[in-house]
Amino acid sequence: MALINCPDCGNPVSIFAAACPKCGRPPINNPFMAGSAAKCPVCGIGKLVKMDAGGRGAAFGAGNLLGAFMKTHRCNCCGHLV
């Protein structure tokens, strides 16, 4: 099994994992990933940033109830949750 270190938290992760089990970073073998910064799959321009508690609260307040708890990253350009 091929393991690489997660660019966000440094945890060893399988290249076939759906997400980092420690921090929830989206798939590392995702074609939208570009090194340690992922590009948004919707707009292709913005970079995905990890949401903290404040970001999750903002997503919840904006009406994205499920995404605020199920998603871990947000596009800094269009606001898409990943």
PDB file of N, CA and C in Angstrom:
ATOM      1  N   MET A   1       0.847  -1.166   0.000  1.00  0.00           N
ATOM      2  CA  MET A   1       0.000   0.000   0.000  1.00  0.00           C
ATOM      3  C   MET A   1       0.900   1.239   0.000  1.00  0.00           C
ATOM      4  N   ALA A   2       0.622   2.156  -0.881  1.00  0.00           N
ATOM      5  CA  ALA A   2       1.420   3.377  -0.992  1.00  0.00           C
ATOM      6  C   ALA A   2       0.893   4.435  -0.028  1.00  0.00           C
ATOM      7  N   LEU A   3       1.782   4.915   0.832  1.00  0.00           N
ATOM      8  CA  LEU A   3       1.430   5.959   1.785  1.00  0.00           C
ATOM      9  C   LEU A   3       2.230   7.213   1.483  1.00  0.00           C
ATOM     10  N   ILE A   4       1.570   8.344   1.622  1.00  0.00           N
ATOM     11  CA  ILE A   4       2.247   9.638   1.515  1.00  0.00           C
ATOM     12  C   ILE A   4       1.799  10.475   2.703  1.00  0.00           C
ATOM     13  N   ASN A   5       2.524  11.512   2.997  1.00  0.00           N
ATOM     14  CA  ASN A   5       2.157  12.399   4.099  1.00  0.00           C
ATOM     15  C   ASN A   5       1.163  13.443   3.626  1.00  0.00           C
ATOM     16  N   CYS A   6       0.130  13.663   4.426  1.00  0.00           N
ATOM     17  CA  CYS A   6      -0.872  14.687   4.129  1.00  0.00           C
ATOM     18  C   CYS A   6      -0.194  16.056   4.156  1.00  0.00           C
ATOM     19  N   PRO A   7      -0.396  16.881   3.119  1.00  0.00           N
ATOM     20  CA  PRO A   7       0.214  18.211   3.099  1.00  0.00           C
ATOM     21  C   PRO A   7      -0.293  19.143   4.194  1.00  0.00           C
ATOM     22  N   ASP A   8      -1.486  18.879   4.742  1.00  0.00           N
ATOM     23  CA  ASP A   8      -2.037  19.752   5.781  1.00  0.00           C
ATOM     24  C   ASP A   8      -1.542  19.394   7.182  1.00  0.00           C
ATOM     25  N   CYS A   9      -1.597  18.095   7.533  1.00  0.00           N
ATOM     26  CA  CYS A   9      -1.286  17.715   8.913  1.00  0.00           C
ATOM     27  C   CYS A   9      -0.074  16.803   9.052  1.00  0.00           C
ATOM     28  N   GLY A  10       0.437  16.252   7.946  1.00  0.00           N
ATOM     29  CA  GLY A  10       1.606  15.389   7.999  1.00  0.00           C
ATOM     30  C   GLY A  10       1.302  13.942   8.336  1.00  0.00           C
ATOM     31  N   ASN A  11       0.040  13.592   8.520  1.00  0.00           N
ATOM     32  CA  ASN A  11      -0.361  12.228   8.839  1.00  0.00           C
ATOM     33  C   ASN A  11      -0.148  11.316   7.625  1.00  0.00           C
ATOM     34  N   PRO A  12       0.378  10.091   7.791  1.00  0.00           N
ATOM     35  CA  PRO A  12       0.499   9.170   6.663  1.00  0.00           C
ATOM     36  C   PRO A  12      -0.888   8.764   6.154  1.00  0.00           C
ATOM     37  N   VAL A  13      -1.084   8.862   4.838  1.00  0.00           N
ATOM     38  CA  VAL A  13      -2.380   8.582   4.220  1.00  0.00           C
ATOM     39  C   VAL A  13      -2.160   7.741   2.972  1.00  0.00           C
ATOM     40  N   SER A  14      -3.024   6.763   2.750  1.00  0.00           N
ATOM     41  CA  SER A  14      -2.979   5.981   1.527  1.00  0.00           C
ATOM     42  C   SER A  14      -3.326   6.877   0.345  1.00  0.00           C
ATOM     43  N   ILE A  15      -2.685   6.641  -0.788  1.00  0.00           N
ATOM     44  CA  ILE A  15      -3.001   7.446  -1.969  1.00  0.00           C
ATOM     45  C   ILE A  15      -4.407   7.147  -2.498  1.00  0.00           C
ATOM     46  N   PHE A  16      -5.020   6.071  -2.015  1.00  0.00           N
ATOM     47  CA  PHE A  16      -6.358   5.690  -2.447  1.00  0.00           C
ATOM     48  C   PHE A  16      -7.437   6.087  -1.442  1.00  0.00           C
ATOM     49  N   ALA A  17      -7.059   6.758  -0.360  1.00  0.00           N
ATOM     50  CA  ALA A  17      -8.025   7.137   0.677  1.00  0.00           C
ATOM     51  C   ALA A  17      -8.980   8.206   0.163  1.00  0.00           C
ATOM     52  N   ALA A  18     -10.197   8.195   0.679  1.00  0.00           N
ATOM     53  CA  ALA A  18     -11.192   9.190   0.292  1.00  0.00           C
ATOM     54  C   ALA A  18     -10.854  10.560   0.878  1.00  0.00           C
ATOM     55  N   ALA A  19     -10.185  10.575   2.022  1.00  0.00           N
ATOM     56  CA  ALA A  19      -9.773  11.819   2.679  1.00  0.00           C
ATOM     57  C   ALA A  19      -8.783  11.451   3.775  1.00  0.00           C
ATOM     58  N   CYS A  20      -8.035  12.419   4.235  1.00  0.00           N
ATOM     59  CA  CYS A  20      -7.119  12.192   5.348  1.00  0.00           C
ATOM     60  C   CYS A  20      -7.950  11.868   6.590  1.00  0.00           C
ATOM     61  N   PRO A  21      -7.677  10.753   7.259  1.00  0.00           N
ATOM     62  CA  PRO A  21      -8.485  10.397   8.430  1.00  0.00           C
ATOM     63  C   PRO A  21      -8.273  11.327   9.621  1.00  0.00           C
ATOM     64  N   LYS A  22      -7.174  12.057   9.652  1.00  0.00           N
ATOM     65  CA  LYS A  22      -6.899  12.936  10.784  1.00  0.00           C
ATOM     66  C   LYS A  22      -7.513  14.320  10.603  1.00  0.00           C
ATOM     67  N   CYS A  23      -7.277  14.955   9.431  1.00  0.00           N
ATOM     68  CA  CYS A  23      -7.746  16.335   9.250  1.00  0.00           C
ATOM     69  C   CYS A  23      -8.875  16.476   8.232  1.00  0.00           C
ATOM     70  N   GLY A  24      -9.158  15.427   7.436  1.00  0.00           N
ATOM     71  CA  GLY A  24     -10.266  15.476   6.491  1.00  0.00           C
ATOM     72  C   GLY A  24      -9.953  16.122   5.159  1.00  0.00           C
ATOM     73  N   ARG A  25      -8.658  16.340   4.851  1.00  0.00           N
ATOM     74  CA  ARG A  25      -8.296  16.936   3.569  1.00  0.00           C
ATOM     75  C   ARG A  25      -8.859  16.084   2.435  1.00  0.00           C
ATOM     76  N   PRO A  26      -9.368  16.705   1.370  1.00  0.00           N
ATOM     77  CA  PRO A  26      -9.909  15.951   0.238  1.00  0.00           C
ATOM     78  C   PRO A  26      -8.861  15.012  -0.353  1.00  0.00           C
ATOM     79  N   PRO A  27      -9.284  14.098  -1.220  1.00  0.00           N
ATOM     80  CA  PRO A  27      -8.376  13.090  -1.756  1.00  0.00           C
ATOM     81  C   PRO A  27      -7.072  13.671  -2.281  1.00  0.00           C
ATOM     82  N   ILE A  28      -5.981  13.037  -1.884  1.00  0.00           N
ATOM     83  CA  ILE A  28      -4.667  13.507  -2.292  1.00  0.00           C
ATOM     84  C   ILE A  28      -4.403  13.176  -3.754  1.00  0.00           C
ATOM     85  N   ASN A  29      -5.011  12.105  -4.265  1.00  0.00           N
ATOM     86  CA  ASN A  29      -4.828  11.748  -5.669  1.00  0.00           C
ATOM     87  C   ASN A  29      -5.875  12.398  -6.569  1.00  0.00           C
ATOM     88  N   ASN A  30      -6.579  13.394  -6.054  1.00  0.00           N
ATOM     89  CA  ASN A  30      -7.579  14.148  -6.802  1.00  0.00           C
ATOM     90  C   ASN A  30      -6.887  14.946  -7.908  1.00  0.00           C
ATOM     91  N   PRO A  31      -7.380  14.919  -9.153  1.00  0.00           N
ATOM     92  CA  PRO A  31      -6.720  15.656 -10.235  1.00  0.00           C
ATOM     93  C   PRO A  31      -6.705  17.171 -10.042  1.00  0.00           C
ATOM     94  N   PHE A  32      -7.548  17.681  -9.141  1.00  0.00           N
ATOM     95  CA  PHE A  32      -7.543  19.115  -8.900  1.00  0.00           C
ATOM     96  C   PHE A  32      -6.474  19.541  -7.904  1.00  0.00           C
ATOM     97  N   MET A  33      -5.806  18.573  -7.274  1.00  0.00           N
ATOM     98  CA  MET A  33      -4.758  18.893  -6.324  1.00  0.00           C
ATOM     99  C   MET A  33      -3.517  19.365  -7.072  1.00  0.00           C
ATOM    100  N   ALA A  34      -2.922  20.417  -6.595  1.00  0.00           N
ATOM    101  CA  ALA A  34      -1.688  20.942  -7.195  1.00  0.00           C
ATOM    102  C   ALA A  34      -0.710  21.191  -6.063  1.00  0.00           C
ATOM    103  N   GLY A  35       0.044  20.180  -5.716  1.00  0.00           N
ATOM    104  CA  GLY A  35       0.965  20.308  -4.596  1.00  0.00           C
ATOM    105  C   GLY A  35       0.192  20.399  -3.303  1.00  0.00           C
ATOM    106  N   SER A  36       0.496  21.389  -2.476  1.00  0.00           N
ATOM    107  CA  SER A  36      -0.202  21.512  -1.199  1.00  0.00           C
ATOM    108  C   SER A  36      -1.451  22.369  -1.312  1.00  0.00           C
ATOM    109  N   ALA A  37      -1.678  23.012  -2.459  1.00  0.00           N
ATOM    110  CA  ALA A  37      -2.860  23.848  -2.638  1.00  0.00           C
ATOM    111  C   ALA A  37      -3.766  23.208  -3.680  1.00  0.00           C
ATOM    112  N   ALA A  38      -5.007  22.976  -3.318  1.00  0.00           N
ATOM    113  CA  ALA A  38      -5.967  22.370  -4.226  1.00  0.00           C
ATOM    114  C   ALA A  38      -6.760  23.458  -4.925  1.00  0.00           C
ATOM    115  N   LYS A  39      -7.060  23.222  -6.200  1.00  0.00           N
ATOM    116  CA  LYS A  39      -7.899  24.154  -6.942  1.00  0.00           C
ATOM    117  C   LYS A  39      -9.348  23.720  -6.823  1.00  0.00           C
ATOM    118  N   CYS A  40     -10.226  24.686  -6.885  1.00  0.00           N
ATOM    119  CA  CYS A  40     -11.656  24.431  -6.767  1.00  0.00           C
ATOM    120  C   CYS A  40     -12.149  23.619  -7.972  1.00  0.00           C
ATOM    121  N   PRO A  41     -12.912  22.528  -7.743  1.00  0.00           N
ATOM    122  CA  PRO A  41     -13.438  21.750  -8.854  1.00  0.00           C
ATOM    123  C   PRO A  41     -14.581  22.445  -9.589  1.00  0.00           C
ATOM    124  N   VAL A  42     -15.160  23.495  -9.003  1.00  0.00           N
ATOM    125  CA  VAL A  42     -16.274  24.204  -9.634  1.00  0.00           C
ATOM    126  C   VAL A  42     -15.770  25.349 -10.508  1.00  0.00           C
ATOM    127  N   CYS A  43     -15.028  26.286  -9.915  1.00  0.00           N
ATOM    128  CA  CYS A  43     -14.589  27.455 -10.684  1.00  0.00           C
ATOM    129  C   CYS A  43     -13.198  27.258 -11.285  1.00  0.00           C
ATOM    130  N   GLY A  44     -12.385  26.361 -10.706  1.00  0.00           N
ATOM    131  CA  GLY A  44     -11.046  26.111 -11.226  1.00  0.00           C
ATOM    132  C   GLY A  44     -10.059  27.233 -10.979  1.00  0.00           C
ATOM    133  N   ILE A  45     -10.486  28.285 -10.322  1.00  0.00           N
ATOM    134  CA  ILE A  45      -9.627  29.447 -10.095  1.00  0.00           C
ATOM    135  C   ILE A  45      -9.169  29.502  -8.648  1.00  0.00           C
ATOM    136  N   GLY A  46     -10.129  29.425  -7.741  1.00  0.00           N
ATOM    137  CA  GLY A  46      -9.834  29.565  -6.324  1.00  0.00           C
ATOM    138  C   GLY A  46      -9.102  28.380  -5.747  1.00  0.00           C
ATOM    139  N   LYS A  47      -8.489  28.592  -4.610  1.00  0.00           N
ATOM    140  CA  LYS A  47      -7.802  27.527  -3.906  1.00  0.00           C
ATOM    141  C   LYS A  47      -8.635  27.108  -2.718  1.00  0.00           C
ATOM    142  N   LEU A  48      -8.588  25.816  -2.392  1.00  0.00           N
ATOM    143  CA  LEU A  48      -9.336  25.297  -1.263  1.00  0.00           C
ATOM    144  C   LEU A  48      -8.586  25.586   0.026  1.00  0.00           C
ATOM    145  N   VAL A  49      -9.295  26.143   0.984  1.00  0.00           N
ATOM    146  CA  VAL A  49      -8.719  26.429   2.291  1.00  0.00           C
ATOM    147  C   VAL A  49      -9.494  25.627   3.333  1.00  0.00           C
ATOM    148  N   LYS A  50      -8.772  25.133   4.327  1.00  0.00           N
ATOM    149  CA  LYS A  50      -9.401  24.343   5.367  1.00  0.00           C
ATOM    150  C   LYS A  50     -10.273  25.242   6.242  1.00  0.00           C
ATOM    151  N   MET A  51     -11.508  24.799   6.503  1.00  0.00           N
ATOM    152  CA  MET A  51     -12.428  25.585   7.322  1.00  0.00           C
ATOM    153  C   MET A  51     -12.173  25.305   8.798  1.00  0.00           C
ATOM    154  N   ASP A  52     -12.164  26.362   9.594  1.00  0.00           N
ATOM    155  CA  ASP A  52     -12.099  26.218  11.036  1.00  0.00           C
ATOM    156  C   ASP A  52     -13.524  26.337  11.577  1.00  0.00           C
ATOM    157  N   ALA A  53     -13.665  26.422  12.877  1.00  0.00           N
ATOM    158  CA  ALA A  53     -14.997  26.510  13.473  1.00  0.00           C
ATOM    159  C   ALA A  53     -15.754  27.746  12.982  1.00  0.00           C
ATOM    160  N   GLY A  54     -15.045  28.860  12.804  1.00  0.00           N
ATOM    161  CA  GLY A  54     -15.693  30.070  12.307  1.00  0.00           C
ATOM    162  C   GLY A  54     -16.188  29.909  10.882  1.00  0.00           C
ATOM    163  N   GLY A  55     -15.406  29.232  10.051  1.00  0.00           N
ATOM    164  CA  GLY A  55     -15.811  28.978   8.668  1.00  0.00           C
ATOM    165  C   GLY A  55     -17.011  28.063   8.585  1.00  0.00           C
ATOM    166  N   ARG A  56     -17.044  27.067   9.456  1.00  0.00           N
ATOM    167  CA  ARG A  56     -18.194  26.166   9.487  1.00  0.00           C
ATOM    168  C   ARG A  56     -19.444  26.911   9.960  1.00  0.00           C
ATOM    169  N   GLY A  57     -19.272  27.803  10.946  1.00  0.00           N
ATOM    170  CA  GLY A  57     -20.398  28.599  11.421  1.00  0.00           C
ATOM    171  C   GLY A  57     -20.927  29.532  10.343  1.00  0.00           C
ATOM    172  N   ALA A  58     -20.016  30.109   9.561  1.00  0.00           N
ATOM    173  CA  ALA A  58     -20.430  30.988   8.457  1.00  0.00           C
ATOM    174  C   ALA A  58     -21.190  30.200   7.399  1.00  0.00           C
ATOM    175  N   ALA A  59     -20.727  28.980   7.082  1.00  0.00           N
ATOM    176  CA  ALA A  59     -21.423  28.146   6.097  1.00  0.00           C
ATOM    177  C   ALA A  59     -22.810  27.770   6.620  1.00  0.00           C
ATOM    178  N   PHE A  60     -22.893  27.456   7.906  1.00  0.00           N
ATOM    179  CA  PHE A  60     -24.184  27.126   8.518  1.00  0.00           C
ATOM    180  C   PHE A  60     -25.117  28.328   8.459  1.00  0.00           C
ATOM    181  N   GLY A  61     -24.608  29.513   8.783  1.00  0.00           N
ATOM    182  CA  GLY A  61     -25.410  30.732   8.754  1.00  0.00           C
ATOM    183  C   GLY A  61     -25.859  31.112   7.358  1.00  0.00           C
ATOM    184  N   ALA A  62     -25.067  30.708   6.342  1.00  0.00           N
ATOM    185  CA  ALA A  62     -25.423  31.012   4.954  1.00  0.00           C
ATOM    186  C   ALA A  62     -26.453  30.034   4.404  1.00  0.00           C
ATOM    187  N   GLY A  63     -26.870  29.060   5.218  1.00  0.00           N
ATOM    188  CA  GLY A  63     -27.907  28.133   4.780  1.00  0.00           C
ATOM    189  C   GLY A  63     -27.397  26.802   4.304  1.00  0.00           C
ATOM    190  N   ASN A  64     -26.101  26.579   4.321  1.00  0.00           N
ATOM    191  CA  ASN A  64     -25.549  25.302   3.888  1.00  0.00           C
ATOM    192  C   ASN A  64     -25.427  24.404   5.111  1.00  0.00           C
ATOM    193  N   LEU A  65     -26.557  23.889   5.574  1.00  0.00           N
ATOM    194  CA  LEU A  65     -26.612  23.160   6.832  1.00  0.00           C
ATOM    195  C   LEU A  65     -25.790  21.878   6.807  1.00  0.00           C
ATOM    196  N   LEU A  66     -25.981  21.053   5.808  1.00  0.00           N
ATOM    197  CA  LEU A  66     -25.258  19.786   5.735  1.00  0.00           C
ATOM    198  C   LEU A  66     -23.787  20.009   5.434  1.00  0.00           C
ATOM    199  N   GLY A  67     -23.496  20.910   4.513  1.00  0.00           N
ATOM    200  CA  GLY A  67     -22.112  21.172   4.134  1.00  0.00           C
ATOM    201  C   GLY A  67     -21.276  21.730   5.263  1.00  0.00           C
ATOM    202  N   ALA A  68     -21.897  22.439   6.177  1.00  0.00           N
ATOM    203  CA  ALA A  68     -21.163  23.014   7.294  1.00  0.00           C
ATOM    204  C   ALA A  68     -20.589  21.938   8.199  1.00  0.00           C
ATOM    205  N   PHE A  69     -21.216  20.772   8.215  1.00  0.00           N
ATOM    206  CA  PHE A  69     -20.748  19.694   9.084  1.00  0.00           C
ATOM    207  C   PHE A  69     -20.083  18.556   8.320  1.00  0.00           C
ATOM    208  N   MET A  70     -20.369  18.409   7.044  1.00  0.00           N
ATOM    209  CA  MET A  70     -19.833  17.287   6.271  1.00  0.00           C
ATOM    210  C   MET A  70     -18.606  17.663   5.447  1.00  0.00           C
ATOM    211  N   LYS A  71     -18.418  18.913   5.134  1.00  0.00           N
ATOM    212  CA  LYS A  71     -17.313  19.351   4.285  1.00  0.00           C
ATOM    213  C   LYS A  71     -16.209  19.956   5.142  1.00  0.00           C
ATOM    214  N   THR A  72     -14.969  19.905   4.646  1.00  0.00           N
ATOM    215  CA  THR A  72     -13.844  20.393   5.441  1.00  0.00           C
ATOM    216  C   THR A  72     -13.116  21.556   4.795  1.00  0.00           C
ATOM    217  N   HIS A  73     -13.311  21.767   3.480  1.00  0.00           N
ATOM    218  CA  HIS A  73     -12.588  22.823   2.779  1.00  0.00           C
ATOM    219  C   HIS A  73     -13.564  23.715   2.020  1.00  0.00           C
ATOM    220  N   ARG A  74     -13.164  24.968   1.815  1.00  0.00           N
ATOM    221  CA  ARG A  74     -13.986  25.956   1.109  1.00  0.00           C
ATOM    222  C   ARG A  74     -13.125  26.664   0.079  1.00  0.00           C
ATOM    223  N   CYS A  75     -13.699  26.956  -1.093  1.00  0.00           N
ATOM    224  CA  CYS A  75     -12.995  27.711  -2.126  1.00  0.00           C
ATOM    225  C   CYS A  75     -12.943  29.179  -1.711  1.00  0.00           C
ATOM    226  N   ASN A  76     -11.770  29.777  -1.800  1.00  0.00           N
ATOM    227  CA  ASN A  76     -11.636  31.190  -1.406  1.00  0.00           C
ATOM    228  C   ASN A  76     -12.126  32.130  -2.489  1.00  0.00           C
ATOM    229  N   CYS A  77     -12.559  31.608  -3.633  1.00  0.00           N
ATOM    230  CA  CYS A  77     -13.053  32.447  -4.724  1.00  0.00           C
ATOM    231  C   CYS A  77     -14.584  32.395  -4.817  1.00  0.00           C
ATOM    232  N   CYS A  78     -15.123  31.183  -4.986  1.00  0.00           N
ATOM    233  CA  CYS A  78     -16.578  31.063  -5.196  1.00  0.00           C
ATOM    234  C   CYS A  78     -17.324  30.583  -3.948  1.00  0.00           C
ATOM    235  N   GLY A  79     -16.612  30.111  -2.925  1.00  0.00           N
ATOM    236  CA  GLY A  79     -17.257  29.664  -1.696  1.00  0.00           C
ATOM    237  C   GLY A  79     -17.750  28.235  -1.720  1.00  0.00           C
ATOM    238  N   HIS A  80     -17.482  27.491  -2.794  1.00  0.00           N
ATOM    239  CA  HIS A  80     -17.907  26.092  -2.891  1.00  0.00           C
ATOM    240  C   HIS A  80     -17.291  25.280  -1.757  1.00  0.00           C
ATOM    241  N   LEU A  81     -18.090  24.393  -1.123  1.00  0.00           N
ATOM    242  CA  LEU A  81     -17.590  23.551  -0.047  1.00  0.00           C
ATOM    243  C   LEU A  81     -17.203  22.189  -0.590  1.00  0.00           C
ATOM    244  N   VAL A  82     -16.053  21.709  -0.187  1.00  0.00           N
ATOM    245  CA  VAL A  82     -15.538  20.411  -0.630  1.00  0.00           C
ATOM    246  C   VAL A  82     -15.283  19.550   0.575  1.00  0.00           C
TER     247      VAL A  82
END
